[in-house]
């Protein structure tokens, strides 16, 4: 059901994002009493994130940064999530979804996190990820040999086991 719903939303989410998108993956997130989501950026297959709040005990804010550059190897060594929160150059926005509301943001270019839910609380979210159409050979590591035109890479890429470009295998 979630796959069908995510596919039905492609035209709307593409319009909101201002570019043609295709589905990445999705999941049902059932956060409980000590639920929390540390600061992070998503991988490219999750470029656009649509969070839909199904139900919750009370509002549980999500905080997300402005669009920022991806971390490099140099600045991610010995990195801790708290470093992002202390960075004075990163501007943050907070949004609290109510049940039956959704929020679209650029999960692979915006830091995002949620603090601990209050004890005894809960939040059930449906998370849909999308990425730009035509980028299948970039977001699926199993397809990198095609993108980089290195046939010798194919046996190594098959070890990833994360699916083909259509995401079904």
Protein backbone atom coordinates (compact mmCIF):
# COMPACT_ATOMS: atom_id res chain seq x y z
CA UNK A 1 0.00 0.00 0.00
CA UNK A 2 2.78 2.45 0.88
CA UNK A 3 4.54 1.84 -2.44
CA UNK A 4 1.33 2.62 -4.32
CA UNK A 5 0.67 5.74 -2.26
CA UNK A 6 4.23 6.96 -2.73
CA UNK A 7 3.93 6.47 -6.51
CA UNK A 8 0.61 8.34 -6.61
CA UNK A 9 2.28 11.31 -4.91
CA UNK A 10 5.11 11.60 -7.47
CA UNK A 11 3.37 14.34 -9.57
CA UNK A 12 2.57 16.45 -6.48
CA UNK A 13 6.01 16.06 -4.90
CA UNK A 14 7.71 16.72 -8.26
CA UNK A 15 5.69 19.92 -8.62
CA UNK A 16 6.59 21.02 -5.09
CA UNK A 17 10.28 20.23 -5.63
CA UNK A 18 10.32 21.96 -9.02
CA UNK A 19 11.78 18.97 -10.85
CA UNK A 20 10.74 15.53 -12.05
CA UNK A 21 11.23 12.98 -9.29
CA UNK A 22 11.02 9.22 -8.94
CA UNK A 23 10.44 7.12 -5.85
CA UNK A 24 13.33 6.10 -3.65
CA UNK A 25 12.25 4.05 -0.68
CA UNK A 26 9.80 4.48 2.16
CA UNK A 27 9.25 3.28 5.68
CA UNK A 28 6.82 3.46 8.55
CA UNK A 29 8.53 4.96 11.58
CA UNK A 30 7.02 4.13 14.97
CA UNK A 31 8.90 6.26 17.48
CA UNK A 32 8.24 5.41 21.12
CA UNK A 33 8.91 6.92 24.52
CA UNK A 34 12.60 7.60 24.14
CA UNK A 35 12.47 8.17 20.38
CA UNK A 36 15.04 10.54 18.95
CA UNK A 37 16.69 11.22 15.62
CA UNK A 38 20.27 12.52 15.80
CA UNK A 39 21.44 15.20 13.34
CA UNK A 40 22.17 13.67 9.96
CA UNK A 41 21.86 14.07 6.21
CA UNK A 42 20.37 11.31 4.09
CA UNK A 43 22.01 9.50 1.22
CA UNK A 44 21.30 10.64 -2.38
CA UNK A 45 18.42 8.18 -2.91
CA UNK A 46 16.67 10.18 -0.19
CA UNK A 47 17.26 13.58 -1.76
CA UNK A 48 13.69 14.69 -1.08
CA UNK A 49 11.92 13.55 2.06
CA UNK A 50 8.18 13.74 2.58
CA UNK A 51 7.35 13.15 6.25
CA UNK A 52 3.68 12.42 6.91
CA UNK A 53 2.44 12.40 10.49
CA UNK A 54 -0.10 9.64 11.03
CA UNK A 55 -0.65 10.06 14.77
CA UNK A 56 1.21 11.24 17.84
CA UNK A 57 0.73 11.79 21.54
CA UNK A 58 1.81 15.44 21.18
CA UNK A 59 3.70 17.62 18.73
CA UNK A 60 7.27 16.40 18.10
CA UNK A 61 9.28 19.09 16.30
CA UNK A 62 11.69 18.36 13.49
CA UNK A 63 14.61 20.75 13.06
CA UNK A 64 16.27 21.17 9.70
CA UNK A 65 19.06 23.37 8.43
CA UNK A 66 19.26 25.50 5.38
CA UNK A 67 20.59 23.66 2.32
CA UNK A 68 24.30 23.08 2.92
CA UNK A 69 27.27 21.46 1.17
CA UNK A 70 27.82 17.78 1.76
CA UNK A 71 30.48 16.95 4.35
CA UNK A 72 33.89 16.04 2.98
CA UNK A 73 36.18 13.31 4.24
CA UNK A 74 38.34 15.96 5.90
CA UNK A 75 35.56 17.63 7.87
CA UNK A 76 33.73 14.42 8.78
CA UNK A 77 36.61 12.68 10.52
CA UNK A 78 36.01 12.56 14.28
CA UNK A 79 32.67 14.25 13.63
CA UNK A 80 29.94 14.19 16.26
CA UNK A 81 26.26 15.15 15.72
CA UNK A 82 26.61 17.86 18.35
CA UNK A 83 29.20 19.62 16.14
CA UNK A 84 26.49 20.53 13.63
CA UNK A 85 24.26 21.94 16.35
CA UNK A 86 27.08 24.18 17.62
CA UNK A 87 28.00 25.56 14.18
CA UNK A 88 27.06 29.28 14.20
CA UNK A 89 27.03 29.36 10.39
CA UNK A 90 24.11 26.93 10.10
CA UNK A 91 20.63 28.44 10.24
CA UNK A 92 17.90 26.15 11.62
CA UNK A 93 14.15 25.99 11.07
CA UNK A 94 11.77 24.09 13.31
CA UNK A 95 8.46 22.63 12.23
CA UNK A 96 5.92 20.63 14.18
CA UNK A 97 3.61 18.40 12.17
CA UNK A 98 0.11 17.65 13.35
CA UNK A 99 -1.62 14.39 12.45
CA UNK A 100 -2.61 14.34 8.79
CA UNK A 101 0.05 16.89 7.84
CA UNK A 102 3.18 16.39 5.74
CA UNK A 103 6.44 18.24 5.26
CA UNK A 104 8.76 18.14 2.23
CA UNK A 105 12.44 18.95 2.63
CA UNK A 106 15.78 18.17 1.00
CA UNK A 107 16.94 15.35 3.29
CA UNK A 108 20.27 14.82 1.54
CA UNK A 109 21.25 18.50 1.60
CA UNK A 110 19.75 19.64 4.89
CA UNK A 111 20.83 18.50 8.31
CA UNK A 112 17.79 17.35 10.24
CA UNK A 113 17.04 15.93 13.65
CA UNK A 114 14.44 15.46 16.36
CA UNK A 115 15.06 15.69 20.09
CA UNK A 116 13.80 13.00 22.47
CA UNK A 117 10.07 12.47 22.63
CA UNK A 118 8.65 13.17 26.05
CA UNK A 119 8.58 10.03 28.26
CA UNK A 120 5.55 7.90 27.42
CA UNK A 121 4.99 9.73 24.15
CA UNK A 122 4.89 8.40 20.60
CA UNK A 123 4.91 9.57 17.00
CA UNK A 124 4.01 7.44 13.98
CA UNK A 125 5.36 8.80 10.72
CA UNK A 126 5.28 7.65 7.15
CA UNK A 127 8.50 8.65 5.39
CA UNK A 128 8.67 8.79 1.60
CA UNK A 129 11.97 9.41 -0.18
CA UNK A 130 12.34 10.66 -3.76
CA UNK A 131 15.24 11.56 -6.03
CA UNK A 132 15.57 13.32 -9.41
CA UNK A 133 14.52 11.30 -12.46
CA UNK A 134 17.46 10.15 -14.53
CA UNK A 135 19.80 9.70 -11.57
CA UNK A 136 19.25 5.96 -11.11
CA UNK A 137 22.81 5.06 -12.06
CA UNK A 138 24.10 7.44 -9.38
CA UNK A 139 21.86 6.62 -6.42
CA UNK A 140 21.98 2.83 -6.80
CA UNK A 141 25.60 1.71 -6.14
CA UNK A 142 24.85 -1.46 -8.10
CA UNK A 143 24.55 0.72 -11.19
CA UNK A 144 27.79 2.68 -10.82
CA UNK A 145 29.60 0.60 -13.42
CA UNK A 146 27.10 1.92 -15.98
CA UNK A 147 27.38 5.55 -14.90
CA UNK A 148 31.16 5.56 -14.84
CA UNK A 149 31.37 3.29 -17.90
CA UNK A 150 33.69 0.87 -16.13
CA UNK A 151 32.46 -2.65 -16.96
CA UNK A 152 35.18 -4.14 -14.76
CA UNK A 153 33.40 -2.58 -11.76
CA UNK A 154 30.24 -4.64 -12.31
CA UNK A 155 31.26 -7.68 -10.18
CA UNK A 156 32.11 -5.38 -7.28
CA UNK A 157 28.88 -3.38 -7.69
CA UNK A 158 26.83 -6.58 -7.51
CA UNK A 159 28.07 -7.02 -3.93
CA UNK A 160 26.05 -3.99 -2.85
CA UNK A 161 22.79 -5.93 -3.15
CA UNK A 162 20.69 -2.78 -2.71
CA UNK A 163 18.52 -3.27 -5.76
CA UNK A 164 18.50 -2.35 -9.38
CA UNK A 165 17.55 1.04 -10.73
CA UNK A 166 13.88 0.20 -10.35
CA UNK A 167 14.44 -0.59 -6.68
CA UNK A 168 12.51 -3.87 -6.89
CA UNK A 169 15.21 -6.50 -6.57
